[in-house]
Amino acid sequence: MTENHSDSRPGVTLGTSDLTVFPLSLGGNVFGWTADEAQSFAVLDAFAAGGGNFVDTADVYSAWVPGNTGGESETIIGNWLRSRGNRDDIVVATKVGAHPDSTGLKAHTVKSATEESLRRLGVERIDLLYSHRDDTDTPVEEFIAALDELVKEGKVREIAASNISAERLTEALEFSAREGLARYVAVQPHYNLVSRGTYEGPLAEVVAAHGLSSVPYFALASGFLTGKYRPGGAAVDSARAQGAARYLADPRGPKVLTALDAVAAAHGTEPATVALAWLASRPTVAAPIASARTVEQLPPLLAAATLRLAPEELAALDEASA
């Protein structure tokens, strides 16, 4: 992972690929869920206007919503790309393997699910395709070979893995190297200030050893690290409130909020900005993923791309979250 200084916009290169991305990825999980198409377009427009070029989605978004079947987010992003004529400016990442109609990583499932994602996105090639979650019933040889075929056919530019163990990631990378096939260039783990053990350790070590990049999801812990959930605070009207509130029961939760408040005050910025900047500073992390339901939620996320924390501030956050 290297920084790109060839233009005024901050950029990082994903692993060993030639994909240069803004150091914050816009999460598309809310598109078609808590944000309708008009709201989604407004957020996407503001993200692009702020220098953002890296959009993350999945074929399963948002099948959990009553009346949805999955693919709603991809469809909205595809409609936006087509209406704005900016396909070449945006790095589109999506995931296959968790859609209700296409679950698992059997070769035929990976291929058919990718075809459906291409159709919904209205693109000829997906820039970064993730296996959404590991399928331990399928050998790595089968799904890596399927992903390699998609790359060779020009339907996928680079491949990556979400929700995979250090052992299976190693196995997949070794198979790719041995057979000369497409290899994962990035991972998408659950990782943030109040969930460090979900990435740090063996998985992060494999990523570093093989020169991959990390693109963490739940970067703001379902909104908890924005600071809007406080001990004894007012209830928050959000579809994710229950998930975020559980961090208050963890002794580290309030400690992390206190540390975030102090650093944010020193920089005149928001806790969310600091939380994302801390994550972006971690070894192997290229671009944390964060979503915005409204345009108003976007500025603190974009600000993280240029916020540099002092060593003592990083140390204080490390200590609070340990």
C-alpha atoms as a PDB file:
ATOM      1  CA  MET A   1       0.000   0.000   0.000  1.00  0.00           C
ATOM      2  CA  THR A   2       1.530   3.302  -1.041  1.00  0.00           C
ATOM      3  CA  GLU A   3       0.411   6.893  -0.997  1.00  0.00           C
ATOM      4  CA  ASN A   4      -0.100   8.583  -4.329  1.00  0.00           C
ATOM      5  CA  HIS A   5       1.174  12.153  -4.558  1.00  0.00           C
ATOM      6  CA  SER A   6       0.734  12.556  -8.313  1.00  0.00           C
ATOM      7  CA  ASP A   7      -2.216  14.904  -7.872  1.00  0.00           C
ATOM      8  CA  SER A   8      -3.771  17.057  -5.175  1.00  0.00           C
ATOM      9  CA  ARG A   9      -6.226  14.399  -4.089  1.00  0.00           C
ATOM     10  CA  PRO A  10      -5.056  11.963  -1.417  1.00  0.00           C
ATOM     11  CA  GLY A  11      -4.859   8.455  -2.763  1.00  0.00           C
ATOM     12  CA  VAL A  12      -3.633   5.005  -1.824  1.00  0.00           C
ATOM     13  CA  THR A  13      -2.854   1.990  -3.959  1.00  0.00           C
ATOM     14  CA  LEU A  14      -4.680  -1.199  -3.024  1.00  0.00           C
ATOM     15  CA  GLY A  15      -2.166  -3.928  -2.296  1.00  0.00           C
ATOM     16  CA  THR A  16      -0.263  -5.054  -5.377  1.00  0.00           C
ATOM     17  CA  SER A  17      -2.975  -3.801  -7.758  1.00  0.00           C
ATOM     18  CA  ASP A  18      -3.020  -0.729  -9.978  1.00  0.00           C
ATOM     19  CA  LEU A  19      -6.173   0.571  -8.275  1.00  0.00           C
ATOM     20  CA  THR A  20      -5.643   3.990  -6.702  1.00  0.00           C
ATOM     21  CA  VAL A  21      -8.423   4.924  -4.317  1.00  0.00           C
ATOM     22  CA  PHE A  22      -9.463   7.771  -2.055  1.00  0.00           C
ATOM     23  CA  PRO A  23      -8.468   6.804   1.524  1.00  0.00           C
ATOM     24  CA  LEU A  24     -12.118   6.485   2.539  1.00  0.00           C
ATOM     25  CA  SER A  25     -14.575   4.094   0.921  1.00  0.00           C
ATOM     26  CA  LEU A  26     -18.246   5.070   0.814  1.00  0.00           C
ATOM     27  CA  GLY A  27     -20.379   2.224   2.101  1.00  0.00           C
ATOM     28  CA  GLY A  28     -23.399   1.452  -0.054  1.00  0.00           C
ATOM     29  CA  ASN A  29     -25.209  -0.683   2.520  1.00  0.00           C
ATOM     30  CA  VAL A  30     -27.709   2.120   3.243  1.00  0.00           C
ATOM     31  CA  PHE A  31     -28.675   2.642  -0.399  1.00  0.00           C
ATOM     32  CA  GLY A  32     -32.108   1.120  -0.873  1.00  0.00           C
ATOM     33  CA  TRP A  33     -32.419   0.625   2.896  1.00  0.00           C
ATOM     34  CA  THR A  34     -32.405   3.840   4.952  1.00  0.00           C
ATOM     35  CA  ALA A  35     -31.674   6.026   1.911  1.00  0.00           C
ATOM     36  CA  ASP A  36     -33.927   6.000  -1.143  1.00  0.00           C
ATOM     37  CA  GLU A  37     -32.566   6.569  -4.647  1.00  0.00           C
ATOM     38  CA  ALA A  38     -32.792  10.382  -4.499  1.00  0.00           C
ATOM     39  CA  GLN A  39     -31.027  10.513  -1.129  1.00  0.00           C
ATOM     40  CA  SER A  40     -28.436   7.994  -2.336  1.00  0.00           C
ATOM     41  CA  PHE A  41     -27.723  10.049  -5.460  1.00  0.00           C
ATOM     42  CA  ALA A  42     -27.237  13.162  -3.319  1.00  0.00           C
ATOM     43  CA  VAL A  43     -24.752  11.364  -1.039  1.00  0.00           C
ATOM     44  CA  LEU A  44     -22.874   9.876  -4.003  1.00  0.00           C
ATOM     45  CA  ASP A  45     -22.712  13.298  -5.698  1.00  0.00           C
ATOM     46  CA  ALA A  46     -21.341  14.925  -2.537  1.00  0.00           C
ATOM     47  CA  PHE A  47     -18.800  12.121  -2.039  1.00  0.00           C
ATOM     48  CA  ALA A  48     -17.514  12.501  -5.601  1.00  0.00           C
ATOM     49  CA  ALA A  49     -17.460  16.303  -5.272  1.00  0.00           C
ATOM     50  CA  GLY A  50     -15.347  15.887  -2.123  1.00  0.00           C
ATOM     51  CA  GLY A  51     -12.743  13.870  -4.021  1.00  0.00           C
ATOM     52  CA  GLY A  52     -14.102  10.415  -3.227  1.00  0.00           C
ATOM     53  CA  ASN A  53     -13.847   7.708  -5.884  1.00  0.00           C
ATOM     54  CA  PHE A  54     -14.173   4.407  -3.971  1.00  0.00           C
ATOM     55  CA  VAL A  55     -17.693   2.981  -3.510  1.00  0.00           C
ATOM     56  CA  ASP A  56     -18.392  -0.293  -1.714  1.00  0.00           C
ATOM     57  CA  THR A  57     -21.502  -2.438  -2.079  1.00  0.00           C
ATOM     58  CA  ALA A  58     -22.607  -6.095  -2.217  1.00  0.00           C
ATOM     59  CA  ASP A  59     -25.161  -8.156  -4.101  1.00  0.00           C
ATOM     60  CA  VAL A  60     -26.984  -8.912  -0.831  1.00  0.00           C
ATOM     61  CA  TYR A  61     -27.594  -5.206   0.024  1.00  0.00           C
ATOM     62  CA  SER A  62     -30.338  -4.876   1.193  1.00  0.00           C
ATOM     63  CA  ALA A  63     -32.126  -8.225   1.179  1.00  0.00           C
ATOM     64  CA  TRP A  64     -32.880  -7.907   4.916  1.00  0.00           C
ATOM     65  CA  VAL A  65     -35.379  -5.091   4.315  1.00  0.00           C
ATOM     66  CA  PRO A  66     -39.018  -6.242   4.001  1.00  0.00           C
ATOM     67  CA  GLY A  67     -39.983  -6.084   0.326  1.00  0.00           C
ATOM     68  CA  ASN A  68     -36.373  -6.119  -0.907  1.00  0.00           C
ATOM     69  CA  THR A  69     -34.727  -9.080  -2.603  1.00  0.00           C
ATOM     70  CA  GLY A  70     -31.069  -7.986  -2.604  1.00  0.00           C
ATOM     71  CA  GLY A  71     -29.254  -5.982  -5.271  1.00  0.00           C
ATOM     72  CA  GLU A  72     -31.045  -2.727  -4.482  1.00  0.00           C
ATOM     73  CA  SER A  73     -27.799  -0.945  -3.612  1.00  0.00           C
ATOM     74  CA  GLU A  74     -26.038  -2.126  -6.780  1.00  0.00           C
ATOM     75  CA  THR A  75     -28.999  -0.991  -8.872  1.00  0.00           C
ATOM     76  CA  ILE A  76     -28.958   2.493  -7.334  1.00  0.00           C
ATOM     77  CA  ILE A  77     -25.196   2.837  -7.808  1.00  0.00           C
ATOM     78  CA  GLY A  78     -25.543   1.640 -11.406  1.00  0.00           C
ATOM     79  CA  ASN A  79     -28.301   4.169 -12.085  1.00  0.00           C
ATOM     80  CA  TRP A  80     -26.118   6.912 -10.600  1.00  0.00           C
ATOM     81  CA  LEU A  81     -23.070   5.973 -12.689  1.00  0.00           C
ATOM     82  CA  ARG A  82     -25.166   5.959 -15.836  1.00  0.00           C
ATOM     83  CA  SER A  83     -26.921   9.258 -15.086  1.00  0.00           C
ATOM     84  CA  ARG A  84     -23.680  11.056 -14.184  1.00  0.00           C
ATOM     85  CA  GLY A  85     -21.537   9.546 -16.946  1.00  0.00           C
ATOM     86  CA  ASN A  86     -18.650   9.100 -14.516  1.00  0.00           C
ATOM     87  CA  ARG A  87     -17.995   5.363 -14.676  1.00  0.00           C
ATOM     88  CA  ASP A  88     -14.272   5.774 -15.372  1.00  0.00           C
ATOM     89  CA  ASP A  89     -13.831   8.062 -12.349  1.00  0.00           C
ATOM     90  CA  ILE A  90     -15.256   5.611  -9.786  1.00  0.00           C
ATOM     91  CA  VAL A  91     -13.682   2.465  -8.359  1.00  0.00           C
ATOM     92  CA  VAL A  92     -16.646   0.130  -7.821  1.00  0.00           C
ATOM     93  CA  ALA A  93     -16.273  -2.673  -5.280  1.00  0.00           C
ATOM     94  CA  THR A  94     -18.943  -5.301  -4.750  1.00  0.00           C
ATOM     95  CA  LYS A  95     -19.216  -8.722  -3.128  1.00  0.00           C
ATOM     96  CA  VAL A  96     -20.729 -12.068  -4.054  1.00  0.00           C
ATOM     97  CA  GLY A  97     -21.505 -15.162  -2.017  1.00  0.00           C
ATOM     98  CA  ALA A  98     -24.107 -13.929   0.476  1.00  0.00           C
ATOM     99  CA  HIS A  99     -27.143 -13.139  -1.715  1.00  0.00           C
ATOM    100  CA  PRO A 100     -30.169 -15.286  -0.700  1.00  0.00           C
ATOM    101  CA  ASP A 101     -30.343 -16.708  -4.228  1.00  0.00           C
ATOM    102  CA  SER A 102     -26.570 -17.115  -4.673  1.00  0.00           C
ATOM    103  CA  THR A 103     -25.052 -18.243  -1.402  1.00  0.00           C
ATOM    104  CA  GLY A 104     -21.596 -19.752  -1.107  1.00  0.00           C
ATOM    105  CA  LEU A 105     -18.498 -19.842  -3.291  1.00  0.00           C
ATOM    106  CA  LYS A 106     -19.050 -22.784  -5.633  1.00  0.00           C
ATOM    107  CA  ALA A 107     -17.654 -21.900  -9.054  1.00  0.00           C
ATOM    108  CA  HIS A 108     -21.047 -21.693 -10.751  1.00  0.00           C
ATOM    109  CA  THR A 109     -22.404 -19.525  -7.911  1.00  0.00           C
ATOM    110  CA  VAL A 110     -19.489 -17.078  -8.079  1.00  0.00           C
ATOM    111  CA  LYS A 111     -19.866 -16.735 -11.847  1.00  0.00           C
ATOM    112  CA  SER A 112     -23.649 -16.393 -11.971  1.00  0.00           C
ATOM    113  CA  ALA A 113     -23.710 -13.963  -9.040  1.00  0.00           C
ATOM    114  CA  THR A 114     -21.049 -11.822 -10.700  1.00  0.00           C
ATOM    115  CA  GLU A 115     -23.065 -11.723 -13.930  1.00  0.00           C
ATOM    116  CA  GLU A 116     -26.061 -10.476 -11.937  1.00  0.00           C
ATOM    117  CA  SER A 117     -23.923  -7.798 -10.224  1.00  0.00           C
ATOM    118  CA  LEU A 118     -22.594  -6.643 -13.610  1.00  0.00           C
ATOM    119  CA  ARG A 119     -26.158  -6.387 -14.881  1.00  0.00           C
ATOM    120  CA  ARG A 120     -27.435  -4.404 -11.886  1.00  0.00           C
ATOM    121  CA  LEU A 121     -24.430  -2.088 -11.863  1.00  0.00           C
ATOM    122  CA  GLY A 122     -24.695  -1.623 -15.621  1.00  0.00           C
ATOM    123  CA  VAL A 123     -20.937  -1.951 -16.038  1.00  0.00           C
ATOM    124  CA  GLU A 124     -18.740  -4.135 -18.212  1.00  0.00           C
ATOM    125  CA  ARG A 125     -16.202  -4.747 -15.485  1.00  0.00           C
ATOM    126  CA  ILE A 126     -16.209  -4.716 -11.677  1.00  0.00           C
ATOM    127  CA  ASP A 127     -13.092  -2.993 -10.341  1.00  0.00           C
ATOM    128  CA  LEU A 128     -12.814  -4.954  -7.099  1.00  0.00           C
ATOM    129  CA  LEU A 129     -14.800  -8.138  -6.489  1.00  0.00           C
ATOM    130  CA  TYR A 130     -14.869  -9.646  -2.996  1.00  0.00           C
ATOM    131  CA  SER A 131     -15.818 -13.123  -1.924  1.00  0.00           C
ATOM    132  CA  HIS A 132     -18.276 -11.879   0.722  1.00  0.00           C
ATOM    133  CA  ARG A 133     -17.656 -14.543   3.310  1.00  0.00           C
ATOM    134  CA  ASP A 134     -15.645 -17.709   3.315  1.00  0.00           C
ATOM    135  CA  ASP A 135     -17.375 -20.923   2.309  1.00  0.00           C
ATOM    136  CA  THR A 136     -15.407 -23.634   4.083  1.00  0.00           C
ATOM    137  CA  ASP A 137     -17.347 -26.335   2.210  1.00  0.00           C
ATOM    138  CA  THR A 138     -15.704 -25.160  -1.019  1.00  0.00           C
ATOM    139  CA  PRO A 139     -11.968 -25.649  -1.611  1.00  0.00           C
ATOM    140  CA  VAL A 140     -10.009 -22.450  -2.256  1.00  0.00           C
ATOM    141  CA  GLU A 141      -8.892 -24.025  -5.531  1.00  0.00           C
ATOM    142  CA  GLU A 142     -12.481 -23.934  -6.811  1.00  0.00           C
ATOM    143  CA  PHE A 143     -13.384 -20.342  -6.042  1.00  0.00           C
ATOM    144  CA  ILE A 144      -9.971 -18.850  -6.846  1.00  0.00           C
ATOM    145  CA  ALA A 145     -10.080 -20.593 -10.238  1.00  0.00           C
ATOM    146  CA  ALA A 146     -13.581 -19.183 -10.835  1.00  0.00           C
ATOM    147  CA  LEU A 147     -12.473 -15.677  -9.849  1.00  0.00           C
ATOM    148  CA  ASP A 148      -9.408 -16.012 -12.089  1.00  0.00           C
ATOM    149  CA  GLU A 149     -11.647 -16.884 -15.052  1.00  0.00           C
ATOM    150  CA  LEU A 150     -13.695 -13.730 -14.420  1.00  0.00           C
ATOM    151  CA  VAL A 151     -10.492 -11.669 -14.427  1.00  0.00           C
ATOM    152  CA  LYS A 152      -9.249 -13.306 -17.630  1.00  0.00           C
ATOM    153  CA  GLU A 153     -12.642 -12.654 -19.272  1.00  0.00           C
ATOM    154  CA  GLY A 154     -12.295  -8.957 -18.424  1.00  0.00           C
ATOM    155  CA  LYS A 155     -15.361  -8.958 -16.169  1.00  0.00           C
ATOM    156  CA  VAL A 156     -13.390  -8.291 -12.974  1.00  0.00           C
ATOM    157  CA  ARG A 157     -10.294  -6.160 -12.555  1.00  0.00           C
ATOM    158  CA  GLU A 158      -9.017  -7.254  -9.110  1.00  0.00           C
ATOM    159  CA  ILE A 159     -10.213  -9.718  -6.455  1.00  0.00           C
ATOM    160  CA  ALA A 160     -10.402  -9.479  -2.680  1.00  0.00           C
ATOM    161  CA  ALA A 161     -11.810 -11.359   0.327  1.00  0.00           C
ATOM    162  CA  SER A 162     -14.153 -10.344   3.125  1.00  0.00           C
ATOM    163  CA  ASN A 163     -14.701 -12.322   6.324  1.00  0.00           C
ATOM    164  CA  ILE A 164     -11.920 -14.865   5.849  1.00  0.00           C
ATOM    165  CA  SER A 165      -9.569 -16.496   8.358  1.00  0.00           C
ATOM    166  CA  ALA A 166      -5.809 -16.089   8.311  1.00  0.00           C
ATOM    167  CA  GLU A 167      -5.469 -19.774   7.475  1.00  0.00           C
ATOM    168  CA  ARG A 168      -7.835 -19.759   4.501  1.00  0.00           C
ATOM    169  CA  LEU A 169      -6.413 -16.477   3.212  1.00  0.00           C
ATOM    170  CA  THR A 170      -2.921 -17.986   3.310  1.00  0.00           C
ATOM    171  CA  GLU A 171      -4.178 -21.093   1.513  1.00  0.00           C
ATOM    172  CA  ALA A 172      -5.831 -18.996  -1.210  1.00  0.00           C
ATOM    173  CA  LEU A 173      -2.770 -16.798  -1.724  1.00  0.00           C
ATOM    174  CA  GLU A 174      -0.437 -19.789  -1.905  1.00  0.00           C
ATOM    175  CA  PHE A 175      -2.683 -21.502  -4.451  1.00  0.00           C
ATOM    176  CA  SER A 176      -2.798 -18.354  -6.615  1.00  0.00           C
ATOM    177  CA  ALA A 177       0.997 -18.057  -6.486  1.00  0.00           C
ATOM    178  CA  ARG A 178       1.553 -21.733  -7.223  1.00  0.00           C
ATOM    179  CA  GLU A 179      -0.804 -21.815 -10.207  1.00  0.00           C
ATOM    180  CA  GLY A 180      -0.153 -18.299 -11.510  1.00  0.00           C
ATOM    181  CA  LEU A 181      -3.789 -17.270 -11.031  1.00  0.00           C
ATOM    182  CA  ALA A 182      -5.396 -14.004  -9.951  1.00  0.00           C
ATOM    183  CA  ARG A 183      -4.627 -13.309  -6.292  1.00  0.00           C
ATOM    184  CA  TYR A 184      -6.434 -11.403  -3.616  1.00  0.00           C
ATOM    185  CA  VAL A 185      -5.120  -7.830  -3.321  1.00  0.00           C
ATOM    186  CA  ALA A 186      -7.191  -6.774  -0.321  1.00  0.00           C
ATOM    187  CA  VAL A 187      -9.272  -8.001   2.591  1.00  0.00           C
ATOM    188  CA  GLN A 188     -12.364  -6.475   4.147  1.00  0.00           C
ATOM    189  CA  PRO A 189     -12.397  -7.264   7.870  1.00  0.00           C
ATOM    190  CA  HIS A 190     -14.531  -6.115  10.790  1.00  0.00           C
ATOM    191  CA  TYR A 191     -12.174  -3.607  12.435  1.00  0.00           C
ATOM    192  CA  ASN A 192     -12.518  -0.422  14.470  1.00  0.00           C
ATOM    193  CA  LEU A 193     -11.458   1.211  17.753  1.00  0.00           C
ATOM    194  CA  VAL A 194     -13.808  -0.955  19.825  1.00  0.00           C
ATOM    195  CA  SER A 195     -13.224  -4.138  17.819  1.00  0.00           C
ATOM    196  CA  ARG A 196      -9.511  -4.622  17.334  1.00  0.00           C
ATOM    197  CA  GLY A 197      -9.266  -8.359  17.934  1.00  0.00           C
ATOM    198  CA  THR A 198     -11.419  -9.039  14.868  1.00  0.00           C
ATOM    199  CA  TYR A 199      -8.450  -8.064  12.690  1.00  0.00           C
ATOM    200  CA  GLU A 200      -5.247  -7.488  14.651  1.00  0.00           C
ATOM    201  CA  GLY A 201      -3.141 -10.621  15.093  1.00  0.00           C
ATOM    202  CA  PRO A 202      -2.844 -13.510  12.619  1.00  0.00           C
ATOM    203  CA  LEU A 203      -5.091 -12.051   9.893  1.00  0.00           C
ATOM    204  CA  ALA A 204      -3.350  -8.664   9.865  1.00  0.00           C
ATOM    205  CA  GLU A 205       0.001 -10.446   9.861  1.00  0.00           C
ATOM    206  CA  VAL A 206      -0.902 -12.458   6.739  1.00  0.00           C
ATOM    207  CA  VAL A 207      -2.144  -9.296   5.015  1.00  0.00           C
ATOM    208  CA  ALA A 208       1.119  -7.494   5.819  1.00  0.00           C
ATOM    209  CA  ALA A 209       3.332 -10.427   4.864  1.00  0.00           C
ATOM    210  CA  HIS A 210       1.749 -10.716   1.415  1.00  0.00           C
ATOM    211  CA  GLY A 211       1.533  -7.002   0.655  1.00  0.00           C
ATOM    212  CA  LEU A 212      -2.261  -6.829   0.704  1.00  0.00           C
ATOM    213  CA  SER A 213      -4.383  -3.888   1.827  1.00  0.00           C
ATOM    214  CA  SER A 214      -7.171  -3.830   4.375  1.00  0.00           C
ATOM    215  CA  VAL A 215     -10.490  -2.049   3.747  1.00  0.00           C
ATOM    216  CA  PRO A 216     -12.278  -2.356   7.116  1.00  0.00           C
ATOM    217  CA  TYR A 217     -16.053  -2.450   7.492  1.00  0.00           C
ATOM    218  CA  PHE A 218     -17.942  -1.364  10.641  1.00  0.00           C
ATOM    219  CA  ALA A 219     -15.258   1.355  10.761  1.00  0.00           C
ATOM    220  CA  LEU A 220     -17.514   3.472  12.989  1.00  0.00           C
ATOM    221  CA  ALA A 221     -18.957   0.521  14.953  1.00  0.00           C
ATOM    222  CA  SER A 222     -22.516   0.956  13.610  1.00  0.00           C
ATOM    223  CA  GLY A 223     -22.333   4.672  14.438  1.00  0.00           C
ATOM    224  CA  PHE A 224     -21.064   4.299  18.012  1.00  0.00           C
ATOM    225  CA  LEU A 225     -17.773   6.047  17.201  1.00  0.00           C
ATOM    226  CA  THR A 226     -19.605   9.136  15.923  1.00  0.00           C
ATOM    227  CA  GLY A 227     -20.208   9.950  19.585  1.00  0.00           C
ATOM    228  CA  LYS A 228     -23.986  10.147  19.302  1.00  0.00           C
ATOM    229  CA  TYR A 229     -24.466   7.212  21.677  1.00  0.00           C
ATOM    230  CA  ARG A 230     -23.557   8.179  25.251  1.00  0.00           C
ATOM    231  CA  PRO A 231     -23.982   6.662  28.740  1.00  0.00           C
ATOM    232  CA  GLY A 232     -27.361   7.892  29.945  1.00  0.00           C
ATOM    233  CA  GLY A 233     -27.843   9.771  26.685  1.00  0.00           C
ATOM    234  CA  ALA A 234     -31.033  10.247  24.725  1.00  0.00           C
ATOM    235  CA  ALA A 235     -32.252   7.460  22.466  1.00  0.00           C
ATOM    236  CA  VAL A 236     -31.066   7.720  18.855  1.00  0.00           C
ATOM    237  CA  ASP A 237     -33.505   7.223  16.000  1.00  0.00           C
ATOM    238  CA  SER A 238     -31.455   4.942  13.757  1.00  0.00           C
ATOM    239  CA  ALA A 239     -31.901   1.518  12.204  1.00  0.00           C
ATOM    240  CA  ARG A 240     -28.526   0.633  13.732  1.00  0.00           C
ATOM    241  CA  ALA A 241     -29.067   2.055  17.226  1.00  0.00           C
ATOM    242  CA  GLN A 242     -29.320  -1.304  18.958  1.00  0.00           C
ATOM    243  CA  GLY A 243     -26.043  -2.493  17.464  1.00  0.00           C
ATOM    244  CA  ALA A 244     -24.206   0.674  18.419  1.00  0.00           C
ATOM    245  CA  ALA A 245     -25.601   0.895  21.947  1.00  0.00           C
ATOM    246  CA  ARG A 246     -24.088  -2.438  22.977  1.00  0.00           C
ATOM    247  CA  TYR A 247     -20.625  -0.857  22.989  1.00  0.00           C
ATOM    248  CA  LEU A 248     -21.657   1.235  25.992  1.00  0.00           C
ATOM    249  CA  ALA A 249     -21.800  -1.979  28.032  1.00  0.00           C
ATOM    250  CA  ASP A 250     -18.150  -2.693  27.183  1.00  0.00           C
ATOM    251  CA  PRO A 251     -15.798  -0.924  29.635  1.00  0.00           C
ATOM    252  CA  ARG A 252     -13.681   0.178  26.683  1.00  0.00           C
ATOM    253  CA  GLY A 253     -16.606   1.952  25.005  1.00  0.00           C
ATOM    254  CA  PRO A 254     -16.827   5.005  27.291  1.00  0.00           C
ATOM    255  CA  LYS A 255     -13.003   5.152  27.540  1.00  0.00           C
ATOM    256  CA  VAL A 256     -12.713   5.310  23.764  1.00  0.00           C
ATOM    257  CA  LEU A 257     -15.374   8.041  23.567  1.00  0.00           C
ATOM    258  CA  THR A 258     -13.468  10.115  26.135  1.00  0.00           C
ATOM    259  CA  ALA A 259     -10.226   9.760  24.164  1.00  0.00           C
ATOM    260  CA  LEU A 260     -11.987  10.575  20.885  1.00  0.00           C
ATOM    261  CA  ASP A 261     -13.567  13.689  22.425  1.00  0.00           C
ATOM    262  CA  ALA A 262     -10.187  14.970  23.583  1.00  0.00           C
ATOM    263  CA  VAL A 263      -8.464  14.468  20.233  1.00  0.00           C
ATOM    264  CA  ALA A 264     -11.454  15.835  18.288  1.00  0.00           C
ATOM    265  CA  ALA A 265     -11.497  18.972  20.454  1.00  0.00           C
ATOM    266  CA  ALA A 266      -7.777  19.529  19.833  1.00  0.00           C
ATOM    267  CA  HIS A 267      -8.360  19.438  16.068  1.00  0.00           C
ATOM    268  CA  GLY A 268     -11.740  21.188  16.041  1.00  0.00           C
ATOM    269  CA  THR A 269     -13.255  18.175  14.348  1.00  0.00           C
ATOM    270  CA  GLU A 270     -15.759  15.377  14.986  1.00  0.00           C
ATOM    271  CA  PRO A 271     -15.176  12.097  16.886  1.00  0.00           C
ATOM    272  CA  ALA A 272     -16.064  10.158  13.709  1.00  0.00           C
ATOM    273  CA  THR A 273     -13.279  11.933  11.820  1.00  0.00           C
ATOM    274  CA  VAL A 274     -10.751  10.993  14.488  1.00  0.00           C
ATOM    275  CA  ALA A 275     -11.953   7.366  14.659  1.00  0.00           C
ATOM    276  CA  LEU A 276     -11.536   6.978  10.897  1.00  0.00           C
ATOM    277  CA  ALA A 277      -8.156   8.750  10.902  1.00  0.00           C
ATOM    278  CA  TRP A 278      -6.933   6.376  13.634  1.00  0.00           C
ATOM    279  CA  LEU A 279      -8.075   3.407  11.532  1.00  0.00           C
ATOM    280  CA  ALA A 280      -6.448   4.797   8.376  1.00  0.00           C
ATOM    281  CA  SER A 281      -3.157   5.141  10.283  1.00  0.00           C
ATOM    282  CA  ARG A 282      -3.033   1.445  11.163  1.00  0.00           C
ATOM    283  CA  PRO A 283      -0.586  -0.821   9.349  1.00  0.00           C
ATOM    284  CA  THR A 284      -2.052  -2.295   6.113  1.00  0.00           C
ATOM    285  CA  VAL A 285      -5.242  -0.173   6.213  1.00  0.00           C
ATOM    286  CA  ALA A 286      -5.863   1.592   2.894  1.00  0.00           C
ATOM    287  CA  ALA A 287      -9.402   2.934   3.170  1.00  0.00           C
ATOM    288  CA  PRO A 288     -11.913   2.445   5.995  1.00  0.00           C
ATOM    289  CA  ILE A 289     -15.517   2.025   4.852  1.00  0.00           C
ATOM    290  CA  ALA A 290     -18.160   4.370   6.240  1.00  0.00           C
ATOM    291  CA  SER A 291     -21.685   5.021   5.061  1.00  0.00           C
ATOM    292  CA  ALA A 292     -23.810   8.168   5.070  1.00  0.00           C
ATOM    293  CA  ARG A 293     -27.586   8.192   4.866  1.00  0.00           C
ATOM    294  CA  THR A 294     -27.709  11.957   4.259  1.00  0.00           C
ATOM    295  CA  VAL A 295     -25.382  14.550   2.741  1.00  0.00           C
ATOM    296  CA  GLU A 296     -25.100  16.165   6.187  1.00  0.00           C
ATOM    297  CA  GLN A 297     -23.412  13.034   7.559  1.00  0.00           C
ATOM    298  CA  LEU A 298     -20.685  13.092   4.911  1.00  0.00           C
ATOM    299  CA  PRO A 299     -18.311  15.987   5.829  1.00  0.00           C
ATOM    300  CA  PRO A 300     -16.873  14.335   8.989  1.00  0.00           C
ATOM    301  CA  LEU A 301     -16.178  11.199   6.950  1.00  0.00           C
ATOM    302  CA  LEU A 302     -14.445  13.040   4.106  1.00  0.00           C
ATOM    303  CA  ALA A 303     -12.390  15.052   6.605  1.00  0.00           C
ATOM    304  CA  ALA A 304     -10.709  11.858   7.808  1.00  0.00           C
ATOM    305  CA  ALA A 305      -8.850  11.600   4.495  1.00  0.00           C
ATOM    306  CA  THR A 306      -6.651  14.567   5.370  1.00  0.00           C
ATOM    307  CA  LEU A 307      -6.520  14.445   9.181  1.00  0.00           C
ATOM    308  CA  ARG A 308      -3.097  13.409  10.480  1.00  0.00           C
ATOM    309  CA  LEU A 309      -2.968  12.487  14.164  1.00  0.00           C
ATOM    310  CA  ALA A 310       0.115  13.117  16.301  1.00  0.00           C
ATOM    311  CA  PRO A 311       1.966  10.090  17.756  1.00  0.00           C
ATOM    312  CA  GLU A 312       0.773  10.949  21.274  1.00  0.00           C
ATOM    313  CA  GLU A 313      -2.850  11.158  20.054  1.00  0.00           C
ATOM    314  CA  LEU A 314      -2.579   7.770  18.364  1.00  0.00           C
ATOM    315  CA  ALA A 315      -1.039   6.376  21.553  1.00  0.00           C
ATOM    316  CA  ALA A 316      -3.903   7.726  23.670  1.00  0.00           C
ATOM    317  CA  LEU A 317      -6.452   6.089  21.375  1.00  0.00           C
ATOM    318  CA  ASP A 318      -4.453   2.845  21.361  1.00  0.00           C
ATOM    319  CA  GLU A 319      -4.439   2.795  25.148  1.00  0.00           C
ATOM    320  CA  ALA A 320      -8.146   3.571  25.520  1.00  0.00           C
ATOM    321  CA  SER A 321      -9.081   0.821  23.067  1.00  0.00           C
ATOM    322  CA  ALA A 322      -6.654  -1.844  24.259  1.00  0.00           C
END
